[in-house]
Amino acid sequence: MPVINVEDLTDKDKAVMEVNQLKLEVKLERWLTSKCCEEIKEYIQAGVEEDTLVKGISEDKNPFKEKGGCVIC
């Protein structure tokens, strides 16, 4: 898709682009935020056992574990 410099377009061209975008958006199915939040919460809770961000990384498998301390003499 070619890059379009909006500043070079006429007002009519900008209006046509906006109308086309709105036509695309009106076709999208909309969901209630409360329903989406519930589904996201269930999805997260279903995978919590495998999620390293929640569970953490075991010390023996952690590639970023400090090898030793820093000593300043």
PDB file of N, CA and C in Angstrom:
ATOM      1  N   MET A   1       0.839  -1.160   0.000  1.00  0.00           N
ATOM      2  CA  MET A   1       0.000   0.000   0.000  1.00  0.00           C
ATOM      3  C   MET A   1       0.895   1.239   0.000  1.00  0.00           C
ATOM      4  N   PRO A   2       0.656   2.150  -0.913  1.00  0.00           N
ATOM      5  CA  PRO A   2       1.507   3.344  -0.990  1.00  0.00           C
ATOM      6  C   PRO A   2       1.269   4.281   0.194  1.00  0.00           C
ATOM      7  N   VAL A   3       2.304   5.022   0.518  1.00  0.00           N
ATOM      8  CA  VAL A   3       2.211   5.993   1.598  1.00  0.00           C
ATOM      9  C   VAL A   3       1.546   7.256   1.055  1.00  0.00           C
ATOM     10  N   ILE A   4       0.567   7.764   1.808  1.00  0.00           N
ATOM     11  CA  ILE A   4      -0.164   8.953   1.377  1.00  0.00           C
ATOM     12  C   ILE A   4       0.160  10.092   2.332  1.00  0.00           C
ATOM     13  N   ASN A   5       0.594  11.204   1.781  1.00  0.00           N
ATOM     14  CA  ASN A   5       0.841  12.393   2.583  1.00  0.00           C
ATOM     15  C   ASN A   5      -0.474  13.165   2.671  1.00  0.00           C
ATOM     16  N   VAL A   6      -1.082  13.159   3.837  1.00  0.00           N
ATOM     17  CA  VAL A   6      -2.400  13.751   4.032  1.00  0.00           C
ATOM     18  C   VAL A   6      -2.382  15.247   3.762  1.00  0.00           C
ATOM     19  N   GLU A   7      -1.273  15.885   4.016  1.00  0.00           N
ATOM     20  CA  GLU A   7      -1.180  17.327   3.802  1.00  0.00           C
ATOM     21  C   GLU A   7      -1.321  17.702   2.325  1.00  0.00           C
ATOM     22  N   ASP A   8      -1.003  16.771   1.430  1.00  0.00           N
ATOM     23  CA  ASP A   8      -1.097  17.037  -0.005  1.00  0.00           C
ATOM     24  C   ASP A   8      -2.495  16.794  -0.571  1.00  0.00           C
ATOM     25  N   LEU A   9      -3.396  16.219   0.225  1.00  0.00           N
ATOM     26  CA  LEU A   9      -4.736  15.900  -0.259  1.00  0.00           C
ATOM     27  C   LEU A   9      -5.659  17.108  -0.171  1.00  0.00           C
ATOM     28  N   THR A  10      -6.631  17.113  -1.050  1.00  0.00           N
ATOM     29  CA  THR A  10      -7.644  18.170  -0.991  1.00  0.00           C
ATOM     30  C   THR A  10      -8.632  17.843   0.126  1.00  0.00           C
ATOM     31  N   ASP A  11      -9.442  18.820   0.488  1.00  0.00           N
ATOM     32  CA  ASP A  11     -10.453  18.591   1.524  1.00  0.00           C
ATOM     33  C   ASP A  11     -11.434  17.504   1.110  1.00  0.00           C
ATOM     34  N   LYS A  12     -11.748  17.465  -0.179  1.00  0.00           N
ATOM     35  CA  LYS A  12     -12.670  16.440  -0.682  1.00  0.00           C
ATOM     36  C   LYS A  12     -12.056  15.047  -0.520  1.00  0.00           C
ATOM     37  N   ASP A  13     -10.770  14.915  -0.878  1.00  0.00           N
ATOM     38  CA  ASP A  13     -10.088  13.624  -0.744  1.00  0.00           C
ATOM     39  C   ASP A  13     -10.051  13.173   0.714  1.00  0.00           C
ATOM     40  N   LYS A  14      -9.790  14.101   1.619  1.00  0.00           N
ATOM     41  CA  LYS A  14      -9.775  13.775   3.048  1.00  0.00           C
ATOM     42  C   LYS A  14     -11.145  13.322   3.513  1.00  0.00           C
ATOM     43  N   ALA A  15     -12.186  13.991   3.043  1.00  0.00           N
ATOM     44  CA  ALA A  15     -13.550  13.622   3.417  1.00  0.00           C
ATOM     45  C   ALA A  15     -13.906  12.244   2.893  1.00  0.00           C
ATOM     46  N   VAL A  16     -13.487  11.936   1.669  1.00  0.00           N
ATOM     47  CA  VAL A  16     -13.751  10.619   1.077  1.00  0.00           C
ATOM     48  C   VAL A  16     -13.044   9.535   1.892  1.00  0.00           C
ATOM     49  N   MET A  17     -11.800   9.800   2.274  1.00  0.00           N
ATOM     50  CA  MET A  17     -11.059   8.827   3.085  1.00  0.00           C
ATOM     51  C   MET A  17     -11.746   8.600   4.429  1.00  0.00           C
ATOM     52  N   GLU A  18     -12.208   9.671   5.036  1.00  0.00           N
ATOM     53  CA  GLU A  18     -12.872   9.548   6.329  1.00  0.00           C
ATOM     54  C   GLU A  18     -14.177   8.767   6.209  1.00  0.00           C
ATOM     55  N   VAL A  19     -14.949   9.038   5.170  1.00  0.00           N
ATOM     56  CA  VAL A  19     -16.199   8.309   4.955  1.00  0.00           C
ATOM     57  C   VAL A  19     -15.918   6.830   4.724  1.00  0.00           C
ATOM     58  N   ASN A  20     -14.906   6.519   3.936  1.00  0.00           N
ATOM     59  CA  ASN A  20     -14.550   5.113   3.695  1.00  0.00           C
ATOM     60  C   ASN A  20     -14.148   4.418   4.998  1.00  0.00           C
ATOM     61  N   GLN A  21     -13.380   5.119   5.826  1.00  0.00           N
ATOM     62  CA  GLN A  21     -12.973   4.542   7.106  1.00  0.00           C
ATOM     63  C   GLN A  21     -14.185   4.305   7.998  1.00  0.00           C
ATOM     64  N   LEU A  22     -15.098   5.250   8.032  1.00  0.00           N
ATOM     65  CA  LEU A  22     -16.299   5.095   8.854  1.00  0.00           C
ATOM     66  C   LEU A  22     -17.174   3.952   8.347  1.00  0.00           C
ATOM     67  N   LYS A  23     -17.228   3.755   7.034  1.00  0.00           N
ATOM     68  CA  LYS A  23     -17.984   2.626   6.473  1.00  0.00           C
ATOM     69  C   LYS A  23     -17.396   1.300   6.943  1.00  0.00           C
ATOM     70  N   LEU A  24     -16.067   1.228   7.028  1.00  0.00           N
ATOM     71  CA  LEU A  24     -15.428   0.004   7.523  1.00  0.00           C
ATOM     72  C   LEU A  24     -15.729  -0.204   9.007  1.00  0.00           C
ATOM     73  N   GLU A  25     -15.653   0.866   9.781  1.00  0.00           N
ATOM     74  CA  GLU A  25     -15.847   0.757  11.225  1.00  0.00           C
ATOM     75  C   GLU A  25     -17.278   0.415  11.606  1.00  0.00           C
ATOM     76  N   VAL A  26     -18.242   0.876  10.824  1.00  0.00           N
ATOM     77  CA  VAL A  26     -19.639   0.614  11.159  1.00  0.00           C
ATOM     78  C   VAL A  26     -19.973  -0.879  11.015  1.00  0.00           C
ATOM     79  N   LYS A  27     -19.204  -1.599  10.214  1.00  0.00           N
ATOM     80  CA  LYS A  27     -19.432  -3.033  10.015  1.00  0.00           C
ATOM     81  C   LYS A  27     -18.877  -3.883  11.157  1.00  0.00           C
ATOM     82  N   LEU A  28     -18.016  -3.299  11.988  1.00  0.00           N
ATOM     83  CA  LEU A  28     -17.399  -4.058  13.064  1.00  0.00           C
ATOM     84  C   LEU A  28     -18.421  -4.392  14.150  1.00  0.00           C
ATOM     85  N   GLU A  29     -18.302  -5.607  14.666  1.00  0.00           N
ATOM     86  CA  GLU A  29     -19.169  -6.010  15.767  1.00  0.00           C
ATOM     87  C   GLU A  29     -18.645  -5.371  17.051  1.00  0.00           C
ATOM     88  N   ARG A  30     -19.540  -4.748  17.798  1.00  0.00           N
ATOM     89  CA  ARG A  30     -19.148  -4.079  19.033  1.00  0.00           C
ATOM     90  C   ARG A  30     -19.595  -4.909  20.212  1.00  0.00           C
ATOM     91  N   TRP A  31     -18.769  -4.959  21.244  1.00  0.00           N
ATOM     92  CA  TRP A  31     -19.069  -5.717  22.448  1.00  0.00           C
ATOM     93  C   TRP A  31     -19.081  -4.778  23.642  1.00  0.00           C
ATOM     94  N   LEU A  32     -19.836  -5.146  24.642  1.00  0.00           N
ATOM     95  CA  LEU A  32     -19.835  -4.395  25.891  1.00  0.00           C
ATOM     96  C   LEU A  32     -18.490  -4.579  26.586  1.00  0.00           C
ATOM     97  N   THR A  33     -18.002  -3.516  27.174  1.00  0.00           N
ATOM     98  CA  THR A  33     -16.727  -3.573  27.877  1.00  0.00           C
ATOM     99  C   THR A  33     -16.780  -4.582  29.013  1.00  0.00           C
ATOM    100  N   SER A  34     -17.893  -4.641  29.705  1.00  0.00           N
ATOM    101  CA  SER A  34     -18.012  -5.575  30.829  1.00  0.00           C
ATOM    102  C   SER A  34     -17.875  -7.023  30.353  1.00  0.00           C
ATOM    103  N   LYS A  35     -18.420  -7.338  29.181  1.00  0.00           N
ATOM    104  CA  LYS A  35     -18.302  -8.694  28.635  1.00  0.00           C
ATOM    105  C   LYS A  35     -16.861  -8.981  28.236  1.00  0.00           C
ATOM    106  N   CYS A  36     -16.212  -8.026  27.597  1.00  0.00           N
ATOM    107  CA  CYS A  36     -14.820  -8.207  27.172  1.00  0.00           C
ATOM    108  C   CYS A  36     -13.910  -8.409  28.380  1.00  0.00           C
ATOM    109  N   CYS A  37     -14.120  -7.612  29.419  1.00  0.00           N
ATOM    110  CA  CYS A  37     -13.284  -7.720  30.614  1.00  0.00           C
ATOM    111  C   CYS A  37     -13.444  -9.089  31.258  1.00  0.00           C
ATOM    112  N   GLU A  38     -14.665  -9.596  31.301  1.00  0.00           N
ATOM    113  CA  GLU A  38     -14.914 -10.918  31.873  1.00  0.00           C
ATOM    114  C   GLU A  38     -14.181 -11.985  31.076  1.00  0.00           C
ATOM    115  N   GLU A  39     -14.249 -11.922  29.750  1.00  0.00           N
ATOM    116  CA  GLU A  39     -13.585 -12.916  28.906  1.00  0.00           C
ATOM    117  C   GLU A  39     -12.063 -12.842  29.042  1.00  0.00           C
ATOM    118  N   ILE A  40     -11.522 -11.651  29.109  1.00  0.00           N
ATOM    119  CA  ILE A  40     -10.075 -11.489  29.281  1.00  0.00           C
ATOM    120  C   ILE A  40      -9.647 -12.056  30.634  1.00  0.00           C
ATOM    121  N   LYS A  41     -10.427 -11.783  31.657  1.00  0.00           N
ATOM    122  CA  LYS A  41     -10.127 -12.293  33.004  1.00  0.00           C
ATOM    123  C   LYS A  41     -10.129 -13.820  33.015  1.00  0.00           C
ATOM    124  N   GLU A  42     -11.128 -14.433  32.381  1.00  0.00           N
ATOM    125  CA  GLU A  42     -11.199 -15.901  32.311  1.00  0.00           C
ATOM    126  C   GLU A  42     -10.014 -16.474  31.539  1.00  0.00           C
ATOM    127  N   TYR A  43      -9.640 -15.815  30.449  1.00  0.00           N
ATOM    128  CA  TYR A  43      -8.504 -16.275  29.635  1.00  0.00           C
ATOM    129  C   TYR A  43      -7.215 -16.241  30.448  1.00  0.00           C
ATOM    130  N   ILE A  44      -7.002 -15.176  31.176  1.00  0.00           N
ATOM    131  CA  ILE A  44      -5.792 -15.038  31.987  1.00  0.00           C
ATOM    132  C   ILE A  44      -5.768 -16.083  33.089  1.00  0.00           C
ATOM    133  N   GLN A  45      -6.900 -16.269  33.751  1.00  0.00           N
ATOM    134  CA  GLN A  45      -6.960 -17.236  34.848  1.00  0.00           C
ATOM    135  C   GLN A  45      -6.788 -18.662  34.349  1.00  0.00           C
ATOM    136  N   ALA A  46      -7.214 -18.951  33.126  1.00  0.00           N
ATOM    137  CA  ALA A  46      -7.068 -20.300  32.568  1.00  0.00           C
ATOM    138  C   ALA A  46      -5.597 -20.645  32.316  1.00  0.00           C
ATOM    139  N   GLY A  47      -4.771 -19.656  32.012  1.00  0.00           N
ATOM    140  CA  GLY A  47      -3.370 -19.931  31.700  1.00  0.00           C
ATOM    141  C   GLY A  47      -2.400 -19.496  32.775  1.00  0.00           C
ATOM    142  N   VAL A  48      -2.896 -19.237  33.978  1.00  0.00           N
ATOM    143  CA  VAL A  48      -2.033 -18.697  35.031  1.00  0.00           C
ATOM    144  C   VAL A  48      -0.931 -19.690  35.443  1.00  0.00           C
ATOM    145  N   GLU A  49      -1.168 -20.965  35.341  1.00  0.00           N
ATOM    146  CA  GLU A  49      -0.167 -21.963  35.752  1.00  0.00           C
ATOM    147  C   GLU A  49       1.051 -21.960  34.827  1.00  0.00           C
ATOM    148  N   GLU A  50       0.855 -21.647  33.542  1.00  0.00           N
ATOM    149  CA  GLU A  50       1.963 -21.657  32.594  1.00  0.00           C
ATOM    150  C   GLU A  50       2.559 -20.267  32.377  1.00  0.00           C
ATOM    151  N   ASP A  51       1.969 -19.251  32.961  1.00  0.00           N
ATOM    152  CA  ASP A  51       2.396 -17.872  32.723  1.00  0.00           C
ATOM    153  C   ASP A  51       3.600 -17.531  33.594  1.00  0.00           C
ATOM    154  N   THR A  52       4.743 -17.313  32.955  1.00  0.00           N
ATOM    155  CA  THR A  52       5.965 -17.018  33.715  1.00  0.00           C
ATOM    156  C   THR A  52       5.936 -15.628  34.335  1.00  0.00           C
ATOM    157  N   LEU A  53       5.117 -14.731  33.785  1.00  0.00           N
ATOM    158  CA  LEU A  53       5.017 -13.407  34.388  1.00  0.00           C
ATOM    159  C   LEU A  53       4.294 -13.466  35.732  1.00  0.00           C
ATOM    160  N   VAL A  54       3.386 -14.410  35.878  1.00  0.00           N
ATOM    161  CA  VAL A  54       2.656 -14.568  37.139  1.00  0.00           C
ATOM    162  C   VAL A  54       3.417 -15.500  38.070  1.00  0.00           C
ATOM    163  N   LYS A  55       3.856 -16.623  37.539  1.00  0.00           N
ATOM    164  CA  LYS A  55       4.483 -17.679  38.330  1.00  0.00           C
ATOM    165  C   LYS A  55       5.953 -17.409  38.622  1.00  0.00           C
ATOM    166  N   GLY A  56       6.618 -16.758  37.699  1.00  0.00           N
ATOM    167  CA  GLY A  56       8.041 -16.527  37.854  1.00  0.00           C
ATOM    168  C   GLY A  56       8.856 -17.618  37.186  1.00  0.00           C
ATOM    169  N   ILE A  57      10.141 -17.409  37.079  1.00  0.00           N
ATOM    170  CA  ILE A  57      11.042 -18.373  36.460  1.00  0.00           C
ATOM    171  C   ILE A  57      11.825 -19.058  37.572  1.00  0.00           C
ATOM    172  N   SER A  58      11.905 -20.377  37.468  1.00  0.00           N
ATOM    173  CA  SER A  58      12.670 -21.098  38.487  1.00  0.00           C
ATOM    174  C   SER A  58      14.136 -20.699  38.395  1.00  0.00           C
ATOM    175  N   GLU A  59      14.821 -20.714  39.511  1.00  0.00           N
ATOM    176  CA  GLU A  59      16.213 -20.256  39.577  1.00  0.00           C
ATOM    177  C   GLU A  59      17.130 -21.047  38.646  1.00  0.00           C
ATOM    178  N   ASP A  60      16.896 -22.346  38.503  1.00  0.00           N
ATOM    179  CA  ASP A  60      17.790 -23.158  37.667  1.00  0.00           C
ATOM    180  C   ASP A  60      17.560 -22.920  36.165  1.00  0.00           C
ATOM    181  N   LYS A  61      16.400 -22.394  35.765  1.00  0.00           N
ATOM    182  CA  LYS A  61      16.123 -22.145  34.351  1.00  0.00           C
ATOM    183  C   LYS A  61      16.249 -20.676  33.971  1.00  0.00           C
ATOM    184  N   ASN A  62      16.567 -19.812  34.908  1.00  0.00           N
ATOM    185  CA  ASN A  62      16.637 -18.386  34.654  1.00  0.00           C
ATOM    186  C   ASN A  62      17.973 -18.015  33.991  1.00  0.00           C
ATOM    187  N   PRO A  63      17.938 -17.610  32.704  1.00  0.00           N
ATOM    188  CA  PRO A  63      19.193 -17.259  32.027  1.00  0.00           C
ATOM    189  C   PRO A  63      19.769 -15.919  32.510  1.00  0.00           C
ATOM    190  N   PHE A  64      18.976 -15.135  33.227  1.00  0.00           N
ATOM    191  CA  PHE A  64      19.417 -13.821  33.679  1.00  0.00           C
ATOM    192  C   PHE A  64      19.829 -13.821  35.152  1.00  0.00           C
ATOM    193  N   LYS A  65      19.904 -14.999  35.730  1.00  0.00           N
ATOM    194  CA  LYS A  65      20.297 -15.104  37.131  1.00  0.00           C
ATOM    195  C   LYS A  65      21.728 -14.598  37.293  1.00  0.00           C
ATOM    196  N   GLU A  66      21.959 -13.846  38.370  1.00  0.00           N
ATOM    197  CA  GLU A  66      23.300 -13.326  38.611  1.00  0.00           C
ATOM    198  C   GLU A  66      24.250 -14.467  38.912  1.00  0.00           C
ATOM    199  N   LYS A  67      25.390 -14.438  38.262  1.00  0.00           N
ATOM    200  CA  LYS A  67      26.385 -15.494  38.426  1.00  0.00           C
ATOM    201  C   LYS A  67      27.166 -15.303  39.734  1.00  0.00           C
ATOM    202  N   GLY A  68      27.320 -14.104  40.123  1.00  0.00           N
ATOM    203  CA  GLY A  68      28.056 -13.818  41.351  1.00  0.00           C
ATOM    204  C   GLY A  68      27.859 -12.368  41.735  1.00  0.00           C
ATOM    205  N   GLY A  69      28.256 -12.040  42.903  1.00  0.00           N
ATOM    206  CA  GLY A  69      28.089 -10.669  43.367  1.00  0.00           C
ATOM    207  C   GLY A  69      29.192  -9.754  42.864  1.00  0.00           C
ATOM    208  N   CYS A  70      28.985  -8.485  43.023  1.00  0.00           N
ATOM    209  CA  CYS A  70      29.964  -7.486  42.632  1.00  0.00           C
ATOM    210  C   CYS A  70      30.733  -7.065  43.892  1.00  0.00           C
ATOM    211  N   VAL A  71      32.044  -7.126  43.800  1.00  0.00           N
ATOM    212  CA  VAL A  71      32.885  -6.762  44.955  1.00  0.00           C
ATOM    213  C   VAL A  71      33.713  -5.555  44.566  1.00  0.00           C
ATOM    214  N   ILE A  72      33.644  -4.513  45.385  1.00  0.00           N
ATOM    215  CA  ILE A  72      34.459  -3.320  45.163  1.00  0.00           C
ATOM    216  C   ILE A  72      35.542  -3.298  46.230  1.00  0.00           C
ATOM    217  N   CYS A  73      36.777  -3.263  45.779  1.00  0.00           N
ATOM    218  CA  CYS A  73      37.904  -3.277  46.725  1.00  0.00           C
ATOM    219  C   CYS A  73      38.319  -1.885  47.098  1.00  0.00           C
TER     220      CYS A  73
END
